[in-house]
Amino acid sequence: MSEEITQAPETPSRDERIGKLAYQLWEEEGRPEGRHEDHWYRATAMVDAEDQEQIEAAAEPLPSYLSRVADDMPGAAVAQPVESPKAATKEPSLEELTRRMKSRSAA
């Protein structure tokens, strides 16, 4: 019994994508002479924009505890952890702990 293995089509390289798009732009403009660099640069910008959109679409949002940015560091994007509800409760002071211990031992 022979099993046929199907491979996914190969993704064209960045330069291949740019070349195809530049050629398409050249044809759409009526095949003008001497504009190959303009078409190449425009195609490069278009491919880079497509790639960036794909990267941004694939990126997962940061968890809420990492999404806050430090305000005291101008120009720096430093994520600051957000306190969990458990951590947000106030810790008892040393005096309060001492009072609690004394009341337990007196009882």
N, C-alpha and C. Protein backbone atom coordinates (compact mmCIF):
# COMPACT_ATOMS: atom_id res chain seq x y z
N MET A 1 0.84 -1.17 0.00
CA MET A 1 0.00 0.00 0.00
C MET A 1 0.89 1.24 0.00
N SER A 2 0.64 2.12 -0.92
CA SER A 2 1.47 3.31 -1.07
C SER A 2 0.69 4.53 -0.57
N GLU A 3 1.31 5.26 0.34
CA GLU A 3 0.67 6.47 0.84
C GLU A 3 1.31 7.67 0.17
N GLU A 4 0.50 8.54 -0.29
CA GLU A 4 1.00 9.74 -0.93
C GLU A 4 1.14 10.84 0.12
N ILE A 5 2.30 11.42 0.19
CA ILE A 5 2.55 12.48 1.16
C ILE A 5 2.38 13.81 0.44
N THR A 6 1.50 14.62 0.98
CA THR A 6 1.23 15.93 0.40
C THR A 6 1.97 16.99 1.21
N GLN A 7 2.73 17.79 0.52
CA GLN A 7 3.45 18.86 1.19
C GLN A 7 2.74 20.18 0.92
N ALA A 8 2.81 21.04 1.90
CA ALA A 8 2.23 22.37 1.75
C ALA A 8 3.01 23.13 0.68
N PRO A 9 2.33 23.96 -0.07
CA PRO A 9 3.05 24.74 -1.08
C PRO A 9 4.09 25.64 -0.42
N GLU A 10 5.21 25.77 -1.08
CA GLU A 10 6.30 26.55 -0.53
C GLU A 10 5.95 28.04 -0.56
N THR A 11 6.22 28.71 0.52
CA THR A 11 5.95 30.15 0.60
C THR A 11 7.02 30.89 -0.18
N PRO A 12 6.61 31.81 -1.05
CA PRO A 12 7.63 32.56 -1.82
C PRO A 12 8.47 33.43 -0.89
N SER A 13 9.71 33.62 -1.28
CA SER A 13 10.61 34.46 -0.48
C SER A 13 10.16 35.91 -0.55
N ARG A 14 10.70 36.71 0.32
CA ARG A 14 10.36 38.14 0.35
C ARG A 14 10.69 38.79 -0.99
N ASP A 15 11.87 38.50 -1.52
CA ASP A 15 12.27 39.08 -2.81
C ASP A 15 11.37 38.62 -3.95
N GLU A 16 10.92 37.37 -3.91
CA GLU A 16 9.99 36.89 -4.94
C GLU A 16 8.66 37.63 -4.85
N ARG A 17 8.18 37.84 -3.64
CA ARG A 17 6.93 38.57 -3.47
C ARG A 17 7.06 40.00 -3.96
N ILE A 18 8.19 40.64 -3.63
CA ILE A 18 8.43 42.02 -4.07
C ILE A 18 8.50 42.07 -5.59
N GLY A 19 9.24 41.12 -6.19
CA GLY A 19 9.38 41.10 -7.65
C GLY A 19 8.06 40.95 -8.36
N LYS A 20 7.21 40.04 -7.89
CA LYS A 20 5.89 39.84 -8.51
C LYS A 20 5.03 41.09 -8.38
N LEU A 21 5.06 41.71 -7.21
CA LEU A 21 4.27 42.91 -7.00
C LEU A 21 4.80 44.08 -7.83
N ALA A 22 6.12 44.22 -7.91
CA ALA A 22 6.71 45.29 -8.73
C ALA A 22 6.33 45.11 -10.19
N TYR A 23 6.34 43.88 -10.67
CA TYR A 23 5.95 43.59 -12.05
C TYR A 23 4.48 43.94 -12.26
N GLN A 24 3.65 43.62 -11.31
CA GLN A 24 2.22 43.93 -11.39
C GLN A 24 2.02 45.45 -11.45
N LEU A 25 2.74 46.20 -10.59
CA LEU A 25 2.64 47.66 -10.61
C LEU A 25 3.08 48.22 -11.96
N TRP A 26 4.17 47.67 -12.50
CA TRP A 26 4.70 48.11 -13.79
C TRP A 26 3.67 47.90 -14.89
N GLU A 27 3.03 46.72 -14.88
CA GLU A 27 2.01 46.43 -15.89
C GLU A 27 0.79 47.34 -15.73
N GLU A 28 0.37 47.57 -14.48
CA GLU A 28 -0.80 48.42 -14.23
C GLU A 28 -0.58 49.85 -14.70
N GLU A 29 0.67 50.29 -14.69
CA GLU A 29 0.99 51.66 -15.11
C GLU A 29 1.29 51.76 -16.61
N GLY A 30 1.07 50.68 -17.32
CA GLY A 30 1.27 50.71 -18.77
C GLY A 30 2.69 50.41 -19.21
N ARG A 31 3.43 49.71 -18.39
CA ARG A 31 4.81 49.30 -18.68
C ARG A 31 5.73 50.47 -19.05
N PRO A 32 5.80 51.49 -18.20
CA PRO A 32 6.66 52.63 -18.52
C PRO A 32 8.14 52.27 -18.43
N GLU A 33 8.94 52.91 -19.25
CA GLU A 33 10.40 52.69 -19.27
C GLU A 33 11.07 53.46 -18.12
N GLY A 34 12.10 52.87 -17.54
CA GLY A 34 12.94 53.56 -16.56
C GLY A 34 12.32 53.78 -15.19
N ARG A 35 11.25 53.08 -14.83
CA ARG A 35 10.61 53.28 -13.54
C ARG A 35 10.74 52.06 -12.65
N HIS A 36 11.67 51.15 -13.00
CA HIS A 36 11.79 49.89 -12.27
C HIS A 36 12.13 50.09 -10.79
N GLU A 37 12.97 51.07 -10.48
CA GLU A 37 13.33 51.30 -9.07
C GLU A 37 12.13 51.79 -8.27
N ASP A 38 11.34 52.67 -8.88
CA ASP A 38 10.14 53.18 -8.21
C ASP A 38 9.18 52.03 -7.91
N HIS A 39 8.98 51.15 -8.89
CA HIS A 39 8.08 50.01 -8.69
C HIS A 39 8.64 49.07 -7.61
N TRP A 40 9.93 48.87 -7.61
CA TRP A 40 10.54 47.97 -6.62
C TRP A 40 10.38 48.54 -5.21
N TYR A 41 10.64 49.85 -5.04
CA TYR A 41 10.53 50.45 -3.71
C TYR A 41 9.09 50.47 -3.23
N ARG A 42 8.15 50.75 -4.11
CA ARG A 42 6.74 50.72 -3.72
C ARG A 42 6.31 49.31 -3.34
N ALA A 43 6.74 48.33 -4.12
CA ALA A 43 6.40 46.94 -3.82
C ALA A 43 7.02 46.51 -2.49
N THR A 44 8.25 46.95 -2.22
CA THR A 44 8.91 46.64 -0.95
C THR A 44 8.11 47.19 0.22
N ALA A 45 7.66 48.43 0.10
CA ALA A 45 6.87 49.04 1.17
C ALA A 45 5.56 48.28 1.37
N MET A 46 4.94 47.85 0.28
CA MET A 46 3.68 47.13 0.38
C MET A 46 3.86 45.76 1.05
N VAL A 47 4.93 45.05 0.69
CA VAL A 47 5.20 43.74 1.29
C VAL A 47 5.54 43.89 2.77
N ASP A 48 6.34 44.91 3.10
CA ASP A 48 6.66 45.16 4.51
C ASP A 48 5.41 45.47 5.32
N ALA A 49 4.49 46.25 4.75
CA ALA A 49 3.24 46.58 5.44
C ALA A 49 2.40 45.31 5.65
N GLU A 50 2.32 44.45 4.64
CA GLU A 50 1.58 43.19 4.78
C GLU A 50 2.18 42.32 5.88
N ASP A 51 3.52 42.23 5.87
CA ASP A 51 4.19 41.41 6.89
C ASP A 51 3.93 41.96 8.30
N GLN A 52 3.97 43.28 8.44
CA GLN A 52 3.74 43.90 9.74
C GLN A 52 2.31 43.64 10.21
N GLU A 53 1.35 43.72 9.30
CA GLU A 53 -0.04 43.44 9.65
C GLU A 53 -0.20 42.00 10.15
N GLN A 54 0.48 41.08 9.49
CA GLN A 54 0.40 39.67 9.90
C GLN A 54 1.02 39.47 11.27
N ILE A 55 2.13 40.15 11.52
CA ILE A 55 2.79 40.04 12.83
C ILE A 55 1.88 40.58 13.92
N GLU A 56 1.28 41.74 13.66
CA GLU A 56 0.40 42.35 14.67
C GLU A 56 -0.86 41.52 14.89
N ALA A 57 -1.39 40.92 13.83
CA ALA A 57 -2.59 40.10 13.96
C ALA A 57 -2.30 38.82 14.75
N ALA A 58 -1.08 38.31 14.61
CA ALA A 58 -0.72 37.06 15.29
C ALA A 58 -0.29 37.29 16.74
N ALA A 59 0.06 38.52 17.06
CA ALA A 59 0.55 38.81 18.42
C ALA A 59 -0.59 38.71 19.41
N GLU A 60 -0.31 38.06 20.52
CA GLU A 60 -1.30 37.94 21.58
C GLU A 60 -1.20 39.17 22.48
N PRO A 61 -2.33 39.66 22.97
CA PRO A 61 -2.27 40.81 23.87
C PRO A 61 -1.59 40.41 25.18
N LEU A 62 -0.96 41.39 25.80
CA LEU A 62 -0.31 41.14 27.09
C LEU A 62 -1.36 40.87 28.16
N PRO A 63 -1.03 40.03 29.11
CA PRO A 63 -1.94 39.85 30.24
C PRO A 63 -2.13 41.18 30.95
N SER A 64 -3.27 41.37 31.59
CA SER A 64 -3.58 42.65 32.21
C SER A 64 -2.54 43.07 33.24
N TYR A 65 -1.94 42.10 33.93
CA TYR A 65 -0.96 42.48 34.94
C TYR A 65 0.36 42.96 34.35
N LEU A 66 0.54 42.83 33.02
CA LEU A 66 1.74 43.34 32.38
C LEU A 66 1.47 44.55 31.49
N SER A 67 0.23 44.96 31.38
CA SER A 67 -0.11 45.98 30.40
C SER A 67 0.08 47.41 30.89
N ARG A 68 0.29 47.63 32.17
CA ARG A 68 0.48 48.98 32.66
C ARG A 68 1.91 49.44 32.37
N VAL A 69 2.07 50.66 31.88
CA VAL A 69 3.40 51.20 31.53
C VAL A 69 3.83 52.17 32.62
N ALA A 70 5.11 52.13 32.97
CA ALA A 70 5.63 53.02 34.01
C ALA A 70 5.55 54.47 33.57
N ASP A 71 4.95 55.32 34.41
CA ASP A 71 4.82 56.73 34.09
C ASP A 71 6.08 57.51 34.46
N ASP A 72 6.84 56.98 35.40
CA ASP A 72 8.00 57.73 35.89
C ASP A 72 9.25 57.52 35.05
N MET A 73 9.15 56.80 33.92
CA MET A 73 10.31 56.58 33.06
C MET A 73 10.00 57.11 31.67
N PRO A 74 10.25 58.42 31.43
CA PRO A 74 9.90 58.99 30.14
C PRO A 74 10.63 58.29 29.00
N GLY A 75 9.89 57.98 27.97
CA GLY A 75 10.46 57.36 26.78
C GLY A 75 10.66 55.87 26.89
N ALA A 76 10.45 55.30 28.04
CA ALA A 76 10.65 53.86 28.20
C ALA A 76 9.31 53.18 28.40
N ALA A 77 9.12 52.10 27.69
CA ALA A 77 7.90 51.32 27.84
C ALA A 77 8.22 50.11 28.71
N VAL A 78 8.05 50.28 29.98
CA VAL A 78 8.35 49.22 30.93
C VAL A 78 7.05 48.74 31.54
N ALA A 79 6.76 47.48 31.39
CA ALA A 79 5.53 46.93 31.94
C ALA A 79 5.64 46.83 33.44
N GLN A 80 4.60 47.25 34.12
CA GLN A 80 4.57 47.17 35.57
C GLN A 80 3.49 46.17 35.97
N PRO A 81 3.80 45.27 36.87
CA PRO A 81 2.77 44.30 37.29
C PRO A 81 1.65 45.00 38.05
N VAL A 82 0.45 44.54 37.83
CA VAL A 82 -0.70 45.03 38.55
C VAL A 82 -0.91 44.13 39.75
N GLU A 83 -1.18 44.73 40.89
CA GLU A 83 -1.35 43.94 42.11
C GLU A 83 -2.57 43.04 41.98
N SER A 84 -2.43 41.83 42.43
CA SER A 84 -3.57 40.92 42.46
C SER A 84 -4.48 41.36 43.59
N PRO A 85 -5.77 40.99 43.55
CA PRO A 85 -6.67 41.38 44.64
C PRO A 85 -6.18 40.94 46.00
N LYS A 86 -5.54 39.77 46.07
CA LYS A 86 -5.03 39.28 47.35
C LYS A 86 -3.90 40.19 47.85
N ALA A 87 -3.03 40.62 46.92
CA ALA A 87 -1.91 41.47 47.32
C ALA A 87 -2.37 42.88 47.65
N ALA A 88 -3.54 43.27 47.13
CA ALA A 88 -4.04 44.62 47.35
C ALA A 88 -4.52 44.81 48.78
N THR A 89 -4.82 43.74 49.50
CA THR A 89 -5.25 43.87 50.88
C THR A 89 -4.07 44.35 51.72
N LYS A 90 -4.37 45.22 52.65
CA LYS A 90 -3.31 45.82 53.46
C LYS A 90 -2.76 44.82 54.46
N GLU A 91 -1.44 44.74 54.52
CA GLU A 91 -0.75 43.89 55.49
C GLU A 91 -0.90 44.53 56.87
N PRO A 92 -1.13 43.75 57.90
CA PRO A 92 -1.22 44.33 59.24
C PRO A 92 0.15 44.86 59.69
N SER A 93 0.11 45.93 60.45
CA SER A 93 1.36 46.51 60.94
C SER A 93 1.95 45.62 62.03
N LEU A 94 3.19 45.88 62.40
CA LEU A 94 3.85 45.13 63.45
C LEU A 94 3.11 45.29 64.78
N GLU A 95 2.62 46.51 65.02
CA GLU A 95 1.87 46.75 66.25
C GLU A 95 0.58 45.92 66.28
N GLU A 96 -0.11 45.84 65.16
CA GLU A 96 -1.35 45.06 65.07
C GLU A 96 -1.07 43.58 65.30
N LEU A 97 0.00 43.07 64.69
CA LEU A 97 0.36 41.66 64.89
C LEU A 97 0.69 41.38 66.35
N THR A 98 1.41 42.29 66.99
CA THR A 98 1.77 42.14 68.40
C THR A 98 0.51 42.12 69.26
N ARG A 99 -0.42 43.05 68.99
CA ARG A 99 -1.67 43.11 69.75
C ARG A 99 -2.45 41.81 69.60
N ARG A 100 -2.52 41.27 68.37
CA ARG A 100 -3.25 40.02 68.13
C ARG A 100 -2.62 38.87 68.90
N MET A 101 -1.29 38.79 68.89
CA MET A 101 -0.61 37.71 69.60
C MET A 101 -0.87 37.80 71.09
N LYS A 102 -0.85 39.02 71.65
CA LYS A 102 -1.09 39.19 73.10
C LYS A 102 -2.51 38.80 73.45
N SER A 103 -3.47 39.14 72.58
CA SER A 103 -4.87 38.82 72.90
C SER A 103 -5.10 37.30 72.83
N ARG A 104 -4.39 36.61 71.94
CA ARG A 104 -4.52 35.15 71.83
C ARG A 104 -3.92 34.46 73.07
N SER A 105 -2.77 34.97 73.51
CA SER A 105 -2.12 34.32 74.66
C SER A 105 -2.87 34.62 75.96
N ALA A 106 -3.59 35.73 76.03
CA ALA A 106 -4.34 36.07 77.23
C ALA A 106 -5.63 35.25 77.32
N ALA A 107 -6.12 34.78 76.20
CA ALA A 107 -7.39 34.06 76.19
C ALA A 107 -7.28 32.65 76.64
